[in-house]
Amino acid sequence: MTTALAVALQRAESLEAIPRMTEPGAWDQPDRSRIQVDNEFALMDTRTFKELHEYSASFPTGVYVGKMWKRHDGKFDPTCKPEDRRWLLVWFGHHANPKFVSNNFREILLTDGELPA
């Protein structure tokens, strides 16, 4: 891929909430097109939710742009009340310094059911 094309793709992806995964095949996850993201929430169906790996007490190995997972925020915090716990979609995104990635998250809402407690 030419440098200009790579830059153009990166600029186009910067307009998208979840960028295309830079290491396809290295990590199994649902297609990002099945998740609608705004500045606060990630909207998905139950099937997509179940296909996301869960990392509630740690981070996955292998850091690259577009990698996403779910996190039950507060689950392992003894000071967090159960009613304050929430499910998050977390993903690595582009960073101004190409040696780094950004950490991004949105609260998950399901279109067809209730989230597990």
N, C-alpha and C. Protein backbone atom coordinates (compact mmCIF):
# COMPACT_ATOMS: atom_id res chain seq x y z
N MET A 1 0.85 -1.17 0.00
CA MET A 1 0.00 0.00 0.00
C MET A 1 0.90 1.24 0.00
N THR A 2 0.59 2.18 -0.87
CA THR A 2 1.39 3.40 -0.92
C THR A 2 1.17 4.23 0.33
N THR A 3 2.13 5.07 0.62
CA THR A 3 2.04 5.91 1.81
C THR A 3 0.84 6.84 1.74
N ALA A 4 0.60 7.44 0.58
CA ALA A 4 -0.53 8.36 0.44
C ALA A 4 -1.86 7.65 0.68
N LEU A 5 -1.98 6.43 0.16
CA LEU A 5 -3.21 5.66 0.36
C LEU A 5 -3.37 5.31 1.83
N ALA A 6 -2.30 4.92 2.48
CA ALA A 6 -2.35 4.59 3.91
C ALA A 6 -2.78 5.80 4.73
N VAL A 7 -2.24 6.96 4.41
CA VAL A 7 -2.60 8.19 5.12
C VAL A 7 -4.07 8.53 4.88
N ALA A 8 -4.52 8.39 3.63
CA ALA A 8 -5.92 8.69 3.31
C ALA A 8 -6.87 7.75 4.04
N LEU A 9 -6.52 6.46 4.10
CA LEU A 9 -7.35 5.50 4.83
C LEU A 9 -7.39 5.84 6.32
N GLN A 10 -6.25 6.19 6.87
CA GLN A 10 -6.20 6.53 8.29
C GLN A 10 -7.04 7.77 8.57
N ARG A 11 -6.98 8.75 7.69
CA ARG A 11 -7.79 9.96 7.88
C ARG A 11 -9.27 9.64 7.79
N ALA A 12 -9.64 8.80 6.84
CA ALA A 12 -11.05 8.41 6.70
C ALA A 12 -11.50 7.65 7.93
N GLU A 13 -10.65 6.77 8.44
CA GLU A 13 -11.01 5.99 9.62
C GLU A 13 -11.08 6.85 10.87
N SER A 14 -10.35 7.95 10.89
CA SER A 14 -10.39 8.79 12.08
C SER A 14 -11.78 9.40 12.26
N LEU A 15 -12.58 9.40 11.19
CA LEU A 15 -13.95 9.89 11.29
C LEU A 15 -14.88 8.83 11.86
N GLU A 16 -14.42 7.58 11.88
CA GLU A 16 -15.20 6.48 12.40
C GLU A 16 -14.83 6.24 13.85
N ALA A 17 -15.79 5.81 14.63
CA ALA A 17 -15.53 5.58 16.05
C ALA A 17 -14.58 4.41 16.27
N ILE A 18 -14.83 3.28 15.64
CA ILE A 18 -13.99 2.10 15.81
C ILE A 18 -13.25 1.87 14.50
N PRO A 19 -11.92 2.02 14.51
CA PRO A 19 -11.18 1.84 13.27
C PRO A 19 -11.08 0.37 12.85
N ARG A 20 -10.75 0.16 11.60
CA ARG A 20 -10.53 -1.18 11.08
C ARG A 20 -9.34 -1.79 11.82
N MET A 21 -9.44 -3.07 12.16
CA MET A 21 -8.38 -3.74 12.89
C MET A 21 -7.14 -3.87 12.00
N THR A 22 -5.99 -3.48 12.56
CA THR A 22 -4.75 -3.48 11.77
C THR A 22 -4.10 -4.85 11.69
N GLU A 23 -4.51 -5.79 12.53
CA GLU A 23 -3.96 -7.14 12.52
C GLU A 23 -5.09 -8.15 12.34
N PRO A 24 -5.77 -8.13 11.20
CA PRO A 24 -6.91 -9.05 11.02
C PRO A 24 -6.44 -10.50 11.10
N GLY A 25 -7.27 -11.32 11.71
CA GLY A 25 -6.94 -12.73 11.85
C GLY A 25 -6.20 -13.05 13.13
N ALA A 26 -5.62 -12.03 13.77
CA ALA A 26 -4.87 -12.26 15.00
C ALA A 26 -5.81 -12.27 16.21
N TRP A 27 -7.03 -11.82 16.05
CA TRP A 27 -7.96 -11.67 17.16
C TRP A 27 -9.36 -11.86 16.62
N ASP A 28 -10.13 -12.70 17.24
CA ASP A 28 -11.49 -12.97 16.80
C ASP A 28 -12.45 -12.00 17.47
N GLN A 29 -13.17 -11.23 16.69
CA GLN A 29 -14.14 -10.28 17.22
C GLN A 29 -15.23 -10.04 16.19
N PRO A 30 -16.40 -9.56 16.63
CA PRO A 30 -17.47 -9.28 15.67
C PRO A 30 -17.09 -8.12 14.75
N ASP A 31 -17.73 -8.07 13.60
CA ASP A 31 -17.46 -6.98 12.66
C ASP A 31 -17.89 -5.66 13.28
N ARG A 32 -17.06 -4.66 13.13
CA ARG A 32 -17.34 -3.34 13.73
C ARG A 32 -18.60 -2.69 13.15
N SER A 33 -19.01 -3.12 11.96
CA SER A 33 -20.21 -2.54 11.34
C SER A 33 -21.48 -2.94 12.09
N ARG A 34 -21.39 -3.94 12.97
CA ARG A 34 -22.55 -4.39 13.74
C ARG A 34 -22.72 -3.60 15.04
N ILE A 35 -21.86 -2.61 15.25
CA ILE A 35 -21.91 -1.80 16.47
C ILE A 35 -22.04 -0.34 16.09
N GLN A 36 -23.06 0.31 16.58
CA GLN A 36 -23.24 1.75 16.34
C GLN A 36 -22.74 2.49 17.57
N VAL A 37 -21.86 3.46 17.34
CA VAL A 37 -21.22 4.17 18.44
C VAL A 37 -21.46 5.67 18.31
N ASP A 38 -21.81 6.30 19.44
CA ASP A 38 -21.85 7.75 19.48
C ASP A 38 -20.87 8.19 20.56
N ASN A 39 -20.99 9.40 21.04
CA ASN A 39 -20.03 9.91 22.03
C ASN A 39 -20.21 9.32 23.42
N GLU A 40 -21.30 8.57 23.64
CA GLU A 40 -21.56 8.05 24.97
C GLU A 40 -21.83 6.54 25.01
N PHE A 41 -22.47 6.00 23.96
CA PHE A 41 -22.92 4.62 24.00
C PHE A 41 -22.46 3.82 22.79
N ALA A 42 -22.43 2.48 22.98
CA ALA A 42 -22.21 1.52 21.90
C ALA A 42 -23.45 0.65 21.85
N LEU A 43 -24.16 0.70 20.74
CA LEU A 43 -25.41 -0.02 20.56
C LEU A 43 -25.15 -1.28 19.74
N MET A 44 -25.56 -2.44 20.29
CA MET A 44 -25.33 -3.71 19.60
C MET A 44 -26.40 -4.71 20.00
N ASP A 45 -26.48 -5.83 19.26
CA ASP A 45 -27.42 -6.88 19.64
C ASP A 45 -26.73 -7.88 20.57
N THR A 46 -27.52 -8.78 21.14
CA THR A 46 -27.00 -9.75 22.10
C THR A 46 -25.95 -10.65 21.46
N ARG A 47 -26.15 -11.07 20.24
CA ARG A 47 -25.18 -11.94 19.55
C ARG A 47 -23.81 -11.26 19.48
N THR A 48 -23.79 -9.99 19.11
CA THR A 48 -22.54 -9.25 19.02
C THR A 48 -21.89 -9.14 20.40
N PHE A 49 -22.70 -8.85 21.42
CA PHE A 49 -22.19 -8.75 22.79
C PHE A 49 -21.51 -10.06 23.20
N LYS A 50 -22.16 -11.18 22.92
CA LYS A 50 -21.61 -12.49 23.31
C LYS A 50 -20.33 -12.83 22.54
N GLU A 51 -20.16 -12.30 21.35
CA GLU A 51 -18.97 -12.58 20.54
C GLU A 51 -17.75 -11.79 20.99
N LEU A 52 -17.95 -10.75 21.78
CA LEU A 52 -16.81 -9.96 22.27
C LEU A 52 -16.12 -10.71 23.40
N HIS A 53 -14.80 -10.74 23.39
CA HIS A 53 -14.04 -11.30 24.51
C HIS A 53 -14.25 -10.41 25.72
N GLU A 54 -14.25 -11.02 26.91
CA GLU A 54 -14.38 -10.23 28.14
C GLU A 54 -13.04 -10.10 28.84
N TYR A 55 -12.68 -8.87 29.14
CA TYR A 55 -11.50 -8.55 29.93
C TYR A 55 -11.93 -7.52 30.97
N SER A 56 -12.47 -8.01 32.08
CA SER A 56 -12.97 -7.11 33.12
C SER A 56 -11.94 -6.83 34.20
N ALA A 57 -10.93 -7.68 34.32
CA ALA A 57 -9.93 -7.51 35.37
C ALA A 57 -8.52 -7.30 34.79
N SER A 58 -8.40 -7.26 33.48
CA SER A 58 -7.09 -7.10 32.85
C SER A 58 -7.28 -6.53 31.45
N PHE A 59 -6.18 -6.43 30.71
CA PHE A 59 -6.22 -6.02 29.31
C PHE A 59 -5.76 -7.19 28.45
N PRO A 60 -6.27 -7.32 27.25
CA PRO A 60 -5.79 -8.39 26.38
C PRO A 60 -4.36 -8.14 25.93
N THR A 61 -3.65 -9.21 25.61
CA THR A 61 -2.31 -9.05 25.05
C THR A 61 -2.44 -8.70 23.58
N GLY A 62 -1.38 -8.23 22.98
CA GLY A 62 -1.42 -7.87 21.58
C GLY A 62 -2.15 -6.56 21.38
N VAL A 63 -1.43 -5.48 21.40
CA VAL A 63 -2.03 -4.14 21.29
C VAL A 63 -1.95 -3.68 19.84
N TYR A 64 -3.11 -3.47 19.21
CA TYR A 64 -3.14 -2.91 17.86
C TYR A 64 -4.47 -2.23 17.61
N VAL A 65 -4.43 -1.28 16.73
CA VAL A 65 -5.60 -0.45 16.39
C VAL A 65 -6.76 -1.33 15.94
N GLY A 66 -7.94 -1.02 16.46
CA GLY A 66 -9.17 -1.71 16.05
C GLY A 66 -9.54 -2.90 16.91
N LYS A 67 -8.66 -3.33 17.78
CA LYS A 67 -8.95 -4.46 18.67
C LYS A 67 -9.97 -4.00 19.70
N MET A 68 -11.06 -4.79 19.87
CA MET A 68 -12.10 -4.40 20.81
C MET A 68 -12.52 -5.58 21.67
N TRP A 69 -13.05 -5.26 22.87
CA TRP A 69 -13.50 -6.27 23.82
C TRP A 69 -14.52 -5.62 24.74
N LYS A 70 -15.12 -6.43 25.61
CA LYS A 70 -16.07 -5.89 26.59
C LYS A 70 -15.46 -5.96 27.98
N ARG A 71 -15.89 -5.04 28.82
CA ARG A 71 -15.40 -4.94 30.20
C ARG A 71 -16.58 -4.69 31.12
N HIS A 72 -16.70 -5.49 32.17
CA HIS A 72 -17.73 -5.25 33.17
C HIS A 72 -17.11 -4.32 34.20
N ASP A 73 -17.28 -3.04 33.98
CA ASP A 73 -16.63 -2.01 34.79
C ASP A 73 -17.18 -2.01 36.21
N GLY A 74 -16.30 -2.11 37.19
CA GLY A 74 -16.69 -2.13 38.58
C GLY A 74 -16.86 -3.51 39.16
N LYS A 75 -16.84 -4.54 38.33
CA LYS A 75 -17.09 -5.90 38.79
C LYS A 75 -16.09 -6.34 39.85
N PHE A 76 -14.84 -5.94 39.72
CA PHE A 76 -13.80 -6.36 40.65
C PHE A 76 -13.37 -5.25 41.61
N ASP A 77 -14.19 -4.23 41.71
CA ASP A 77 -13.92 -3.13 42.64
C ASP A 77 -14.85 -3.29 43.83
N PRO A 78 -14.32 -3.65 45.01
CA PRO A 78 -15.19 -3.88 46.16
C PRO A 78 -15.93 -2.63 46.63
N THR A 79 -15.48 -1.46 46.23
CA THR A 79 -16.16 -0.24 46.64
C THR A 79 -17.27 0.17 45.66
N CYS A 80 -17.36 -0.52 44.53
CA CYS A 80 -18.37 -0.19 43.51
C CYS A 80 -19.67 -0.91 43.84
N LYS A 81 -20.73 -0.15 43.99
CA LYS A 81 -22.05 -0.73 44.25
C LYS A 81 -22.52 -1.49 43.02
N PRO A 82 -23.22 -2.60 43.20
CA PRO A 82 -23.69 -3.36 42.03
C PRO A 82 -24.50 -2.52 41.05
N GLU A 83 -25.30 -1.58 41.55
CA GLU A 83 -26.11 -0.75 40.65
C GLU A 83 -25.28 0.25 39.84
N ASP A 84 -24.02 0.46 40.24
CA ASP A 84 -23.14 1.37 39.51
C ASP A 84 -22.27 0.66 38.48
N ARG A 85 -22.30 -0.66 38.49
CA ARG A 85 -21.52 -1.42 37.50
C ARG A 85 -22.14 -1.25 36.12
N ARG A 86 -21.28 -1.29 35.11
CA ARG A 86 -21.79 -1.17 33.74
C ARG A 86 -20.88 -1.91 32.79
N TRP A 87 -21.46 -2.34 31.68
CA TRP A 87 -20.69 -3.00 30.64
C TRP A 87 -20.18 -1.94 29.67
N LEU A 88 -18.91 -2.07 29.32
CA LEU A 88 -18.28 -1.14 28.38
C LEU A 88 -17.75 -1.88 27.17
N LEU A 89 -17.86 -1.25 26.03
CA LEU A 89 -17.11 -1.67 24.84
C LEU A 89 -15.81 -0.89 24.89
N VAL A 90 -14.69 -1.59 24.81
CA VAL A 90 -13.37 -0.95 24.86
C VAL A 90 -12.63 -1.29 23.57
N TRP A 91 -11.89 -0.33 23.01
CA TRP A 91 -11.10 -0.61 21.82
C TRP A 91 -9.87 0.28 21.78
N PHE A 92 -8.87 -0.21 21.04
CA PHE A 92 -7.66 0.57 20.78
C PHE A 92 -7.88 1.33 19.48
N GLY A 93 -7.56 2.62 19.51
CA GLY A 93 -7.72 3.45 18.33
C GLY A 93 -6.41 4.11 17.94
N HIS A 94 -6.49 4.97 16.95
CA HIS A 94 -5.32 5.70 16.47
C HIS A 94 -4.87 6.73 17.50
N HIS A 95 -3.60 7.02 17.51
CA HIS A 95 -2.99 8.01 18.40
C HIS A 95 -2.16 8.95 17.55
N ALA A 96 -1.99 10.17 17.99
CA ALA A 96 -1.19 11.15 17.24
C ALA A 96 0.24 10.65 17.04
N ASN A 97 0.77 9.94 18.01
CA ASN A 97 2.09 9.33 17.90
C ASN A 97 1.90 7.90 17.42
N PRO A 98 2.37 7.55 16.22
CA PRO A 98 2.11 6.21 15.67
C PRO A 98 2.72 5.06 16.48
N LYS A 99 3.56 5.38 17.46
CA LYS A 99 4.12 4.33 18.32
C LYS A 99 3.14 3.92 19.43
N PHE A 100 2.03 4.66 19.55
CA PHE A 100 1.06 4.42 20.61
C PHE A 100 -0.32 4.17 20.02
N VAL A 101 -1.24 3.70 20.85
CA VAL A 101 -2.65 3.59 20.48
C VAL A 101 -3.45 4.35 21.54
N SER A 102 -4.65 4.74 21.19
CA SER A 102 -5.54 5.37 22.17
C SER A 102 -6.41 4.29 22.80
N ASN A 103 -6.84 4.52 24.02
CA ASN A 103 -7.79 3.63 24.70
C ASN A 103 -9.14 4.32 24.69
N ASN A 104 -10.15 3.63 24.18
CA ASN A 104 -11.47 4.21 24.02
C ASN A 104 -12.53 3.30 24.63
N PHE A 105 -13.61 3.88 25.09
CA PHE A 105 -14.69 3.05 25.63
C PHE A 105 -16.02 3.79 25.52
N ARG A 106 -17.08 2.98 25.46
CA ARG A 106 -18.45 3.48 25.49
C ARG A 106 -19.29 2.48 26.29
N GLU A 107 -20.30 2.98 26.97
CA GLU A 107 -21.23 2.10 27.67
C GLU A 107 -22.06 1.32 26.66
N ILE A 108 -22.23 0.03 26.90
CA ILE A 108 -22.95 -0.84 25.98
C ILE A 108 -24.45 -0.80 26.27
N LEU A 109 -25.23 -0.67 25.20
CA LEU A 109 -26.69 -0.81 25.24
C LEU A 109 -27.06 -1.91 24.24
N LEU A 110 -27.96 -2.80 24.64
CA LEU A 110 -28.40 -3.88 23.75
C LEU A 110 -29.71 -3.50 23.08
N THR A 111 -29.84 -3.90 21.81
CA THR A 111 -31.05 -3.60 21.05
C THR A 111 -32.14 -4.64 21.29
N ASP A 112 -31.76 -5.80 21.84
CA ASP A 112 -32.72 -6.92 21.89
C ASP A 112 -32.70 -7.70 23.20
N GLY A 113 -32.38 -7.08 24.29
CA GLY A 113 -32.38 -7.81 25.55
C GLY A 113 -31.74 -7.01 26.65
N GLU A 114 -31.53 -7.68 27.77
CA GLU A 114 -30.90 -7.04 28.92
C GLU A 114 -29.49 -7.54 29.11
N LEU A 115 -28.64 -6.66 29.58
CA LEU A 115 -27.25 -7.03 29.86
C LEU A 115 -27.19 -7.91 31.10
N PRO A 116 -26.24 -8.85 31.13
CA PRO A 116 -26.08 -9.66 32.35
C PRO A 116 -25.62 -8.79 33.51
N ALA A 117 -26.01 -9.18 34.70
CA ALA A 117 -25.61 -8.43 35.91
C ALA A 117 -24.15 -8.67 36.24
